Amino acid sequence: MAIASKSSLIGLEETPAGQTKAQFLECLRLIERLHRRLLDILKMRLDETGRTDINSVQALLLYNIGDNEMTAGELRTRGYYLGSNVSYNLKKLVEMGYIEHERSEHDRRSVRIRLSDKGRDINNLVAGLLDEQLEAIVSGSHMKSEELRQLRDALRGLERFWSERINYATL
């Protein structure tokens, strides 16, 4: 998703409305960039631990499954992943032995997935990395716990706004 380029922001900050728009667009760019940076950090950890058969997107998927057993549809809904990405990555993760799957007894079309021992190892690796990152962020001068809470609340508000637009089909 490409957000406005720097050149399209030139002159925006000359008015209060322009300043607000520039801040909004920068926030969207930052959210995208932060997600990519998280994937970069995960890739670095996977590489340094010799885990070259799995990519950072797949590792994050395993982390988000955690101790749960669910369908691919539930994973898409909870993680807000794109459908084709989830299906492709789940297929690969099953083939590589990171995920176990079985058909539902009640609905043979539905497949339940859960982490294998190998998948739990990656889940623990990601959890440890995120704990390390959080500790480094709050113990350093990067962000205080209260600032992190405020950021979370602001992002939840934005998510709620767009979810309402989608749920009630209002643009």
N, C-alpha and C. Protein backbone atom coordinates (compact mmCIF):
# COMPACT_ATOMS: atom_id res chain seq x y z
N MET A 1 0.85 -1.17 0.00
CA MET A 1 0.00 0.00 0.00
C MET A 1 0.89 1.23 0.00
N ALA A 2 0.86 1.97 -1.06
CA ALA A 2 1.69 3.17 -1.15
C ALA A 2 0.89 4.37 -0.67
N ILE A 3 1.43 5.04 0.31
CA ILE A 3 0.83 6.26 0.84
C ILE A 3 1.47 7.43 0.10
N ALA A 4 0.95 8.61 0.30
CA ALA A 4 1.43 9.80 -0.41
C ALA A 4 2.94 9.93 -0.33
N SER A 5 3.53 10.30 -1.45
CA SER A 5 4.98 10.52 -1.48
C SER A 5 5.30 11.86 -0.85
N LYS A 6 6.57 12.05 -0.52
CA LYS A 6 7.02 13.31 0.07
C LYS A 6 6.64 14.50 -0.80
N SER A 7 6.78 14.36 -2.13
CA SER A 7 6.50 15.48 -3.01
C SER A 7 5.04 15.90 -2.95
N SER A 8 4.12 14.96 -2.65
CA SER A 8 2.71 15.33 -2.56
C SER A 8 2.39 16.03 -1.25
N LEU A 9 3.35 16.06 -0.33
CA LEU A 9 3.14 16.72 0.96
C LEU A 9 3.68 18.14 0.97
N ILE A 10 4.39 18.52 -0.08
CA ILE A 10 5.00 19.85 -0.12
C ILE A 10 3.90 20.91 -0.07
N GLY A 11 4.05 21.85 0.82
CA GLY A 11 3.10 22.94 0.95
C GLY A 11 1.92 22.63 1.86
N LEU A 12 1.72 21.38 2.24
CA LEU A 12 0.58 21.02 3.09
C LEU A 12 0.62 21.72 4.44
N GLU A 13 1.80 21.86 5.00
CA GLU A 13 1.92 22.34 6.37
C GLU A 13 1.76 23.86 6.49
N GLU A 14 1.29 24.51 5.43
CA GLU A 14 1.11 25.96 5.48
C GLU A 14 -0.20 26.36 6.15
N THR A 15 -1.14 25.43 6.29
CA THR A 15 -2.41 25.71 6.96
C THR A 15 -2.63 24.68 8.06
N PRO A 16 -3.48 24.98 9.05
CA PRO A 16 -3.77 23.98 10.09
C PRO A 16 -4.34 22.68 9.51
N ALA A 17 -5.24 22.80 8.54
CA ALA A 17 -5.81 21.59 7.92
C ALA A 17 -4.72 20.82 7.18
N GLY A 18 -3.84 21.54 6.53
CA GLY A 18 -2.73 20.90 5.83
C GLY A 18 -1.78 20.21 6.78
N GLN A 19 -1.54 20.83 7.93
CA GLN A 19 -0.68 20.21 8.94
C GLN A 19 -1.29 18.91 9.43
N THR A 20 -2.60 18.93 9.67
CA THR A 20 -3.28 17.72 10.14
C THR A 20 -3.20 16.62 9.09
N LYS A 21 -3.42 16.99 7.82
CA LYS A 21 -3.34 15.98 6.75
C LYS A 21 -1.93 15.42 6.65
N ALA A 22 -0.92 16.28 6.73
CA ALA A 22 0.47 15.82 6.65
C ALA A 22 0.78 14.86 7.80
N GLN A 23 0.29 15.18 9.00
CA GLN A 23 0.52 14.31 10.16
C GLN A 23 -0.18 12.96 9.96
N PHE A 24 -1.41 12.99 9.47
CA PHE A 24 -2.17 11.77 9.21
C PHE A 24 -1.44 10.88 8.21
N LEU A 25 -1.00 11.47 7.10
CA LEU A 25 -0.30 10.69 6.07
C LEU A 25 1.03 10.15 6.59
N GLU A 26 1.71 10.94 7.40
CA GLU A 26 2.96 10.45 7.98
C GLU A 26 2.70 9.29 8.93
N CYS A 27 1.62 9.36 9.70
CA CYS A 27 1.26 8.25 10.59
C CYS A 27 1.03 6.97 9.79
N LEU A 28 0.32 7.08 8.67
CA LEU A 28 0.07 5.90 7.85
C LEU A 28 1.37 5.32 7.31
N ARG A 29 2.26 6.18 6.86
CA ARG A 29 3.57 5.71 6.37
C ARG A 29 4.35 5.04 7.50
N LEU A 30 4.30 5.63 8.68
CA LEU A 30 5.03 5.05 9.82
C LEU A 30 4.49 3.68 10.20
N ILE A 31 3.18 3.52 10.18
CA ILE A 31 2.58 2.22 10.52
C ILE A 31 3.08 1.16 9.54
N GLU A 32 3.04 1.48 8.26
CA GLU A 32 3.56 0.54 7.24
C GLU A 32 5.03 0.23 7.48
N ARG A 33 5.81 1.28 7.70
CA ARG A 33 7.26 1.11 7.86
C ARG A 33 7.59 0.33 9.13
N LEU A 34 6.84 0.57 10.20
CA LEU A 34 7.09 -0.17 11.45
C LEU A 34 6.82 -1.66 11.26
N HIS A 35 5.78 -1.99 10.52
CA HIS A 35 5.51 -3.40 10.27
C HIS A 35 6.67 -4.03 9.49
N ARG A 36 7.15 -3.33 8.48
CA ARG A 36 8.29 -3.85 7.71
C ARG A 36 9.53 -3.97 8.59
N ARG A 37 9.76 -3.01 9.48
CA ARG A 37 10.92 -3.06 10.38
C ARG A 37 10.81 -4.25 11.32
N LEU A 38 9.61 -4.52 11.82
CA LEU A 38 9.41 -5.70 12.68
C LEU A 38 9.78 -6.96 11.91
N LEU A 39 9.35 -7.05 10.67
CA LEU A 39 9.69 -8.22 9.85
C LEU A 39 11.20 -8.30 9.62
N ASP A 40 11.85 -7.15 9.45
CA ASP A 40 13.32 -7.13 9.29
C ASP A 40 14.02 -7.64 10.55
N ILE A 41 13.55 -7.20 11.72
CA ILE A 41 14.12 -7.64 13.00
C ILE A 41 13.92 -9.15 13.16
N LEU A 42 12.73 -9.64 12.80
CA LEU A 42 12.48 -11.08 12.87
C LEU A 42 13.41 -11.85 11.94
N LYS A 43 13.59 -11.34 10.73
CA LYS A 43 14.49 -12.00 9.78
C LYS A 43 15.91 -12.07 10.32
N MET A 44 16.37 -10.98 10.93
CA MET A 44 17.71 -10.98 11.53
C MET A 44 17.83 -12.09 12.57
N ARG A 45 16.82 -12.23 13.44
CA ARG A 45 16.87 -13.26 14.48
C ARG A 45 16.81 -14.65 13.86
N LEU A 46 15.97 -14.84 12.86
CA LEU A 46 15.91 -16.14 12.20
C LEU A 46 17.25 -16.49 11.57
N ASP A 47 17.87 -15.52 10.92
CA ASP A 47 19.18 -15.75 10.29
C ASP A 47 20.25 -16.07 11.32
N GLU A 48 20.28 -15.31 12.41
CA GLU A 48 21.35 -15.53 13.40
C GLU A 48 21.18 -16.84 14.16
N THR A 49 19.97 -17.41 14.12
CA THR A 49 19.75 -18.71 14.77
C THR A 49 19.73 -19.85 13.75
N GLY A 50 20.08 -19.53 12.49
CA GLY A 50 20.18 -20.57 11.47
C GLY A 50 18.86 -21.08 10.94
N ARG A 51 17.80 -20.35 11.15
CA ARG A 51 16.47 -20.77 10.69
C ARG A 51 16.22 -20.19 9.30
N THR A 52 16.79 -20.80 8.29
CA THR A 52 16.70 -20.26 6.93
C THR A 52 15.55 -20.86 6.13
N ASP A 53 14.85 -21.85 6.71
CA ASP A 53 13.75 -22.47 5.96
C ASP A 53 12.43 -21.74 6.16
N ILE A 54 12.39 -20.74 7.01
CA ILE A 54 11.16 -20.03 7.32
C ILE A 54 11.42 -18.54 7.19
N ASN A 55 10.42 -17.79 6.71
CA ASN A 55 10.61 -16.34 6.58
C ASN A 55 9.93 -15.61 7.73
N SER A 56 10.15 -14.32 7.80
CA SER A 56 9.66 -13.54 8.94
C SER A 56 8.13 -13.46 8.96
N VAL A 57 7.49 -13.43 7.81
CA VAL A 57 6.02 -13.40 7.77
C VAL A 57 5.48 -14.69 8.35
N GLN A 58 6.08 -15.81 7.98
CA GLN A 58 5.64 -17.11 8.49
C GLN A 58 5.90 -17.22 9.99
N ALA A 59 7.03 -16.70 10.45
CA ALA A 59 7.33 -16.73 11.89
C ALA A 59 6.31 -15.92 12.67
N LEU A 60 5.93 -14.76 12.15
CA LEU A 60 4.93 -13.93 12.82
C LEU A 60 3.57 -14.61 12.81
N LEU A 61 3.27 -15.32 11.75
CA LEU A 61 2.03 -16.10 11.67
C LEU A 61 2.01 -17.16 12.77
N LEU A 62 3.12 -17.87 12.95
CA LEU A 62 3.21 -18.88 14.01
C LEU A 62 3.04 -18.24 15.38
N TYR A 63 3.63 -17.08 15.56
CA TYR A 63 3.49 -16.37 16.84
C TYR A 63 2.03 -16.02 17.09
N ASN A 64 1.34 -15.57 16.06
CA ASN A 64 -0.06 -15.17 16.23
C ASN A 64 -0.99 -16.36 16.44
N ILE A 65 -0.62 -17.53 15.97
CA ILE A 65 -1.41 -18.74 16.26
C ILE A 65 -1.22 -19.11 17.72
N GLY A 66 0.01 -19.07 18.19
CA GLY A 66 0.30 -19.36 19.59
C GLY A 66 -0.20 -20.72 20.03
N ASP A 67 -0.86 -20.76 21.18
CA ASP A 67 -1.37 -22.01 21.74
C ASP A 67 -2.78 -22.34 21.25
N ASN A 68 -3.28 -21.55 20.33
CA ASN A 68 -4.65 -21.73 19.86
C ASN A 68 -4.75 -22.80 18.79
N GLU A 69 -5.93 -23.36 18.68
CA GLU A 69 -6.28 -24.24 17.57
C GLU A 69 -7.40 -23.52 16.83
N MET A 70 -7.26 -23.36 15.53
CA MET A 70 -8.24 -22.56 14.79
C MET A 70 -8.27 -22.97 13.33
N THR A 71 -9.20 -22.38 12.60
CA THR A 71 -9.24 -22.56 11.15
C THR A 71 -8.46 -21.43 10.49
N ALA A 72 -8.16 -21.61 9.22
CA ALA A 72 -7.47 -20.54 8.47
C ALA A 72 -8.34 -19.28 8.44
N GLY A 73 -9.64 -19.46 8.33
CA GLY A 73 -10.56 -18.31 8.32
C GLY A 73 -10.49 -17.53 9.62
N GLU A 74 -10.43 -18.24 10.74
CA GLU A 74 -10.32 -17.55 12.04
C GLU A 74 -8.99 -16.80 12.13
N LEU A 75 -7.94 -17.39 11.60
CA LEU A 75 -6.64 -16.73 11.61
C LEU A 75 -6.67 -15.45 10.77
N ARG A 76 -7.32 -15.52 9.62
CA ARG A 76 -7.47 -14.33 8.77
C ARG A 76 -8.22 -13.24 9.52
N THR A 77 -9.30 -13.62 10.18
CA THR A 77 -10.13 -12.65 10.89
C THR A 77 -9.38 -12.04 12.07
N ARG A 78 -8.71 -12.85 12.85
CA ARG A 78 -7.99 -12.36 14.04
C ARG A 78 -6.75 -11.56 13.68
N GLY A 79 -6.03 -12.01 12.65
CA GLY A 79 -4.77 -11.36 12.32
C GLY A 79 -4.87 -10.36 11.21
N TYR A 80 -6.05 -10.29 10.59
CA TYR A 80 -6.26 -9.36 9.49
C TYR A 80 -5.27 -9.59 8.36
N TYR A 81 -5.00 -10.87 8.09
CA TYR A 81 -4.12 -11.24 6.99
C TYR A 81 -4.94 -11.30 5.71
N LEU A 82 -4.26 -11.15 4.58
CA LEU A 82 -4.93 -11.34 3.30
C LEU A 82 -5.12 -12.84 3.08
N GLY A 83 -6.26 -13.21 2.53
CA GLY A 83 -6.62 -14.62 2.37
C GLY A 83 -5.60 -15.46 1.63
N SER A 84 -5.14 -14.99 0.48
CA SER A 84 -4.20 -15.80 -0.30
C SER A 84 -2.87 -15.95 0.42
N ASN A 85 -2.44 -14.91 1.12
CA ASN A 85 -1.20 -14.99 1.89
C ASN A 85 -1.29 -16.06 2.97
N VAL A 86 -2.41 -16.08 3.69
CA VAL A 86 -2.58 -17.06 4.77
C VAL A 86 -2.58 -18.47 4.19
N SER A 87 -3.36 -18.69 3.15
CA SER A 87 -3.45 -20.04 2.57
C SER A 87 -2.09 -20.53 2.10
N TYR A 88 -1.38 -19.70 1.36
CA TYR A 88 -0.06 -20.08 0.85
C TYR A 88 0.90 -20.38 2.01
N ASN A 89 0.97 -19.47 2.98
CA ASN A 89 1.91 -19.64 4.09
C ASN A 89 1.54 -20.83 4.97
N LEU A 90 0.25 -21.06 5.20
CA LEU A 90 -0.15 -22.22 5.99
C LEU A 90 0.24 -23.51 5.28
N LYS A 91 0.03 -23.56 3.97
CA LYS A 91 0.41 -24.75 3.20
C LYS A 91 1.90 -25.02 3.36
N LYS A 92 2.71 -23.98 3.21
CA LYS A 92 4.16 -24.12 3.36
C LYS A 92 4.53 -24.56 4.78
N LEU A 93 3.90 -23.96 5.78
CA LEU A 93 4.21 -24.28 7.17
C LEU A 93 3.82 -25.71 7.52
N VAL A 94 2.74 -26.21 6.93
CA VAL A 94 2.36 -27.62 7.12
C VAL A 94 3.42 -28.51 6.47
N GLU A 95 3.80 -28.18 5.23
CA GLU A 95 4.81 -28.97 4.50
C GLU A 95 6.14 -29.02 5.26
N MET A 96 6.51 -27.93 5.92
CA MET A 96 7.79 -27.87 6.63
C MET A 96 7.69 -28.41 8.06
N GLY A 97 6.48 -28.79 8.49
CA GLY A 97 6.33 -29.39 9.80
C GLY A 97 6.16 -28.41 10.95
N TYR A 98 5.86 -27.16 10.66
CA TYR A 98 5.66 -26.16 11.71
C TYR A 98 4.22 -26.15 12.23
N ILE A 99 3.31 -26.65 11.41
CA ILE A 99 1.89 -26.65 11.76
C ILE A 99 1.33 -28.04 11.52
N GLU A 100 0.47 -28.47 12.44
CA GLU A 100 -0.29 -29.71 12.27
C GLU A 100 -1.70 -29.31 11.89
N HIS A 101 -2.36 -30.13 11.08
CA HIS A 101 -3.73 -29.82 10.69
C HIS A 101 -4.55 -31.10 10.64
N GLU A 102 -5.85 -30.94 10.87
CA GLU A 102 -6.75 -32.07 10.74
C GLU A 102 -8.14 -31.55 10.39
N ARG A 103 -8.87 -32.37 9.67
CA ARG A 103 -10.23 -32.00 9.27
C ARG A 103 -11.14 -32.02 10.49
N SER A 104 -12.05 -31.08 10.52
CA SER A 104 -13.03 -31.01 11.60
C SER A 104 -13.94 -32.23 11.54
N GLU A 105 -14.29 -32.78 12.69
CA GLU A 105 -15.19 -33.92 12.72
C GLU A 105 -16.60 -33.51 12.32
N HIS A 106 -16.95 -32.25 12.60
CA HIS A 106 -18.31 -31.78 12.35
C HIS A 106 -18.51 -31.27 10.93
N ASP A 107 -17.47 -30.71 10.34
CA ASP A 107 -17.55 -30.16 8.98
C ASP A 107 -16.27 -30.56 8.25
N ARG A 108 -16.36 -31.57 7.41
CA ARG A 108 -15.18 -32.12 6.74
C ARG A 108 -14.49 -31.12 5.81
N ARG A 109 -15.19 -30.02 5.46
CA ARG A 109 -14.57 -28.99 4.62
C ARG A 109 -13.63 -28.11 5.43
N SER A 110 -13.84 -28.08 6.73
CA SER A 110 -13.07 -27.20 7.60
C SER A 110 -11.84 -27.92 8.15
N VAL A 111 -10.70 -27.23 8.14
CA VAL A 111 -9.45 -27.79 8.64
C VAL A 111 -9.00 -26.98 9.85
N ARG A 112 -8.73 -27.67 10.95
CA ARG A 112 -8.24 -27.03 12.16
C ARG A 112 -6.71 -27.11 12.15
N ILE A 113 -6.07 -26.01 12.55
CA ILE A 113 -4.61 -25.98 12.58
C ILE A 113 -4.13 -25.67 14.00
N ARG A 114 -2.93 -26.13 14.29
CA ARG A 114 -2.26 -25.83 15.57
C ARG A 114 -0.76 -25.98 15.34
N LEU A 115 0.01 -25.41 16.23
CA LEU A 115 1.47 -25.49 16.10
C LEU A 115 1.97 -26.88 16.46
N SER A 116 2.94 -27.35 15.73
CA SER A 116 3.68 -28.56 16.09
C SER A 116 4.76 -28.14 17.10
N ASP A 117 5.52 -29.09 17.58
CA ASP A 117 6.64 -28.74 18.48
C ASP A 117 7.61 -27.80 17.77
N LYS A 118 7.86 -28.06 16.51
CA LYS A 118 8.75 -27.21 15.72
C LYS A 118 8.17 -25.79 15.60
N GLY A 119 6.86 -25.70 15.42
CA GLY A 119 6.20 -24.39 15.35
C GLY A 119 6.25 -23.66 16.68
N ARG A 120 6.12 -24.42 17.78
CA ARG A 120 6.20 -23.80 19.12
C ARG A 120 7.60 -23.25 19.37
N ASP A 121 8.61 -23.91 18.84
CA ASP A 121 9.98 -23.38 18.97
C ASP A 121 10.09 -21.99 18.34
N ILE A 122 9.52 -21.83 17.15
CA ILE A 122 9.55 -20.52 16.48
C ILE A 122 8.69 -19.53 17.25
N ASN A 123 7.55 -19.97 17.73
CA ASN A 123 6.68 -19.10 18.54
C ASN A 123 7.46 -18.57 19.74
N ASN A 124 8.19 -19.44 20.41
CA ASN A 124 8.98 -19.03 21.58
C ASN A 124 10.11 -18.09 21.19
N LEU A 125 10.72 -18.35 20.04
CA LEU A 125 11.79 -17.48 19.54
C LEU A 125 11.26 -16.06 19.30
N VAL A 126 10.10 -15.96 18.65
CA VAL A 126 9.50 -14.65 18.38
C VAL A 126 9.08 -13.98 19.69
N ALA A 127 8.47 -14.74 20.59
CA ALA A 127 8.06 -14.17 21.88
C ALA A 127 9.26 -13.63 22.64
N GLY A 128 10.35 -14.36 22.64
CA GLY A 128 11.57 -13.89 23.31
C GLY A 128 12.12 -12.64 22.67
N LEU A 129 12.11 -12.59 21.35
CA LEU A 129 12.59 -11.40 20.63
C LEU A 129 11.72 -10.19 20.98
N LEU A 130 10.40 -10.37 20.99
CA LEU A 130 9.51 -9.24 21.30
C LEU A 130 9.71 -8.77 22.74
N ASP A 131 9.94 -9.72 23.66
CA ASP A 131 10.24 -9.33 25.05
C ASP A 131 11.52 -8.51 25.12
N GLU A 132 12.54 -8.94 24.39
CA GLU A 132 13.81 -8.20 24.36
C GLU A 132 13.61 -6.79 23.79
N GLN A 133 12.84 -6.70 22.72
CA GLN A 133 12.60 -5.40 22.09
C GLN A 133 11.85 -4.47 23.03
N LEU A 134 10.82 -5.00 23.70
CA LEU A 134 10.06 -4.19 24.64
C LEU A 134 10.95 -3.69 25.76
N GLU A 135 11.76 -4.57 26.31
CA GLU A 135 12.67 -4.18 27.40
C GLU A 135 13.62 -3.08 26.93
N ALA A 136 14.16 -3.23 25.74
CA ALA A 136 15.09 -2.22 25.22
C ALA A 136 14.39 -0.88 24.98
N ILE A 137 13.15 -0.93 24.54
CA ILE A 137 12.39 0.31 24.26
C ILE A 137 12.07 1.05 25.55
N VAL A 138 11.52 0.34 26.54
CA VAL A 138 11.08 1.04 27.76
C VAL A 138 12.22 1.31 28.74
N SER A 139 13.29 0.52 28.70
CA SER A 139 14.40 0.77 29.62
C SER A 139 15.33 1.85 29.08
N GLY A 140 15.33 2.02 27.79
CA GLY A 140 16.13 3.09 27.18
C GLY A 140 15.31 4.37 27.18
N SER A 141 15.72 5.31 26.41
CA SER A 141 14.99 6.57 26.37
C SER A 141 14.07 6.64 25.16
N HIS A 142 13.74 5.49 24.59
CA HIS A 142 12.94 5.47 23.36
C HIS A 142 11.47 5.77 23.62
N MET A 143 10.89 5.15 24.65
CA MET A 143 9.47 5.33 24.91
C MET A 143 9.17 4.86 26.33
N LYS A 144 8.38 5.65 27.04
CA LYS A 144 7.96 5.26 28.39
C LYS A 144 6.72 4.38 28.29
N SER A 145 6.46 3.62 29.35
CA SER A 145 5.29 2.74 29.37
C SER A 145 4.00 3.52 29.10
N GLU A 146 3.88 4.70 29.68
CA GLU A 146 2.68 5.52 29.50
C GLU A 146 2.54 5.96 28.04
N GLU A 147 3.65 6.30 27.40
CA GLU A 147 3.61 6.69 25.98
C GLU A 147 3.18 5.50 25.11
N LEU A 148 3.64 4.32 25.48
CA LEU A 148 3.26 3.11 24.76
C LEU A 148 1.76 2.87 24.89
N ARG A 149 1.22 3.06 26.10
CA ARG A 149 -0.22 2.91 26.33
C ARG A 149 -1.01 3.92 25.50
N GLN A 150 -0.55 5.17 25.47
CA GLN A 150 -1.23 6.20 24.69
C GLN A 150 -1.19 5.88 23.19
N LEU A 151 -0.07 5.39 22.73
CA LEU A 151 0.06 5.00 21.32
C LEU A 151 -0.92 3.87 21.00
N ARG A 152 -0.97 2.87 21.86
CA ARG A 152 -1.90 1.76 21.67
C ARG A 152 -3.33 2.26 21.61
N ASP A 153 -3.70 3.14 22.52
CA ASP A 153 -5.07 3.67 22.55
C ASP A 153 -5.39 4.46 21.28
N ALA A 154 -4.43 5.25 20.81
CA ALA A 154 -4.64 6.03 19.58
C ALA A 154 -4.81 5.11 18.37
N LEU A 155 -3.98 4.07 18.29
CA LEU A 155 -4.08 3.13 17.17
C LEU A 155 -5.38 2.34 17.23
N ARG A 156 -5.82 1.98 18.43
CA ARG A 156 -7.11 1.30 18.57
C ARG A 156 -8.25 2.20 18.09
N GLY A 157 -8.15 3.49 18.41
CA GLY A 157 -9.18 4.43 17.96
C GLY A 157 -9.25 4.50 16.44
N LEU A 158 -8.10 4.54 15.79
CA LEU A 158 -8.06 4.58 14.33
C LEU A 158 -8.60 3.27 13.74
N GLU A 159 -8.23 2.16 14.35
CA GLU A 159 -8.74 0.87 13.89
C GLU A 159 -10.26 0.81 14.05
N ARG A 160 -10.76 1.26 15.18
CA ARG A 160 -12.20 1.27 15.44
C ARG A 160 -12.92 2.14 14.39
N PHE A 161 -12.35 3.32 14.09
CA PHE A 161 -12.94 4.22 13.09
C PHE A 161 -13.09 3.51 11.75
N TRP A 162 -12.00 2.88 11.27
CA TRP A 162 -12.07 2.22 9.97
C TRP A 162 -12.92 0.96 10.01
N SER A 163 -12.93 0.24 11.12
CA SER A 163 -13.78 -0.94 11.25
C SER A 163 -15.25 -0.55 11.16
N GLU A 164 -15.61 0.55 11.79
CA GLU A 164 -16.99 1.03 11.71
C GLU A 164 -17.35 1.40 10.27
N ARG A 165 -16.43 2.02 9.55
CA ARG A 165 -16.68 2.38 8.16
C ARG A 165 -16.92 1.13 7.32
N ILE A 166 -16.13 0.11 7.58
CA ILE A 166 -16.26 -1.14 6.83
C ILE A 166 -17.55 -1.86 7.22
N ASN A 167 -17.81 -1.97 8.51
CA ASN A 167 -18.98 -2.70 8.99
C ASN A 167 -20.29 -2.04 8.58
N TYR A 168 -20.29 -0.73 8.49
CA TYR A 168 -21.52 -0.02 8.15
C TYR A 168 -21.48 0.55 6.74
N ALA A 169 -20.45 0.15 5.98
CA ALA A 169 -20.30 0.53 4.57
C ALA A 169 -20.49 2.02 4.34
N THR A 170 -19.81 2.82 5.16
CA THR A 170 -19.87 4.27 4.98
C THR A 170 -18.47 4.80 4.72
N LEU A 171 -18.34 5.52 3.67
CA LEU A 171 -17.06 6.16 3.36
C LEU A 171 -17.30 7.60 3.47
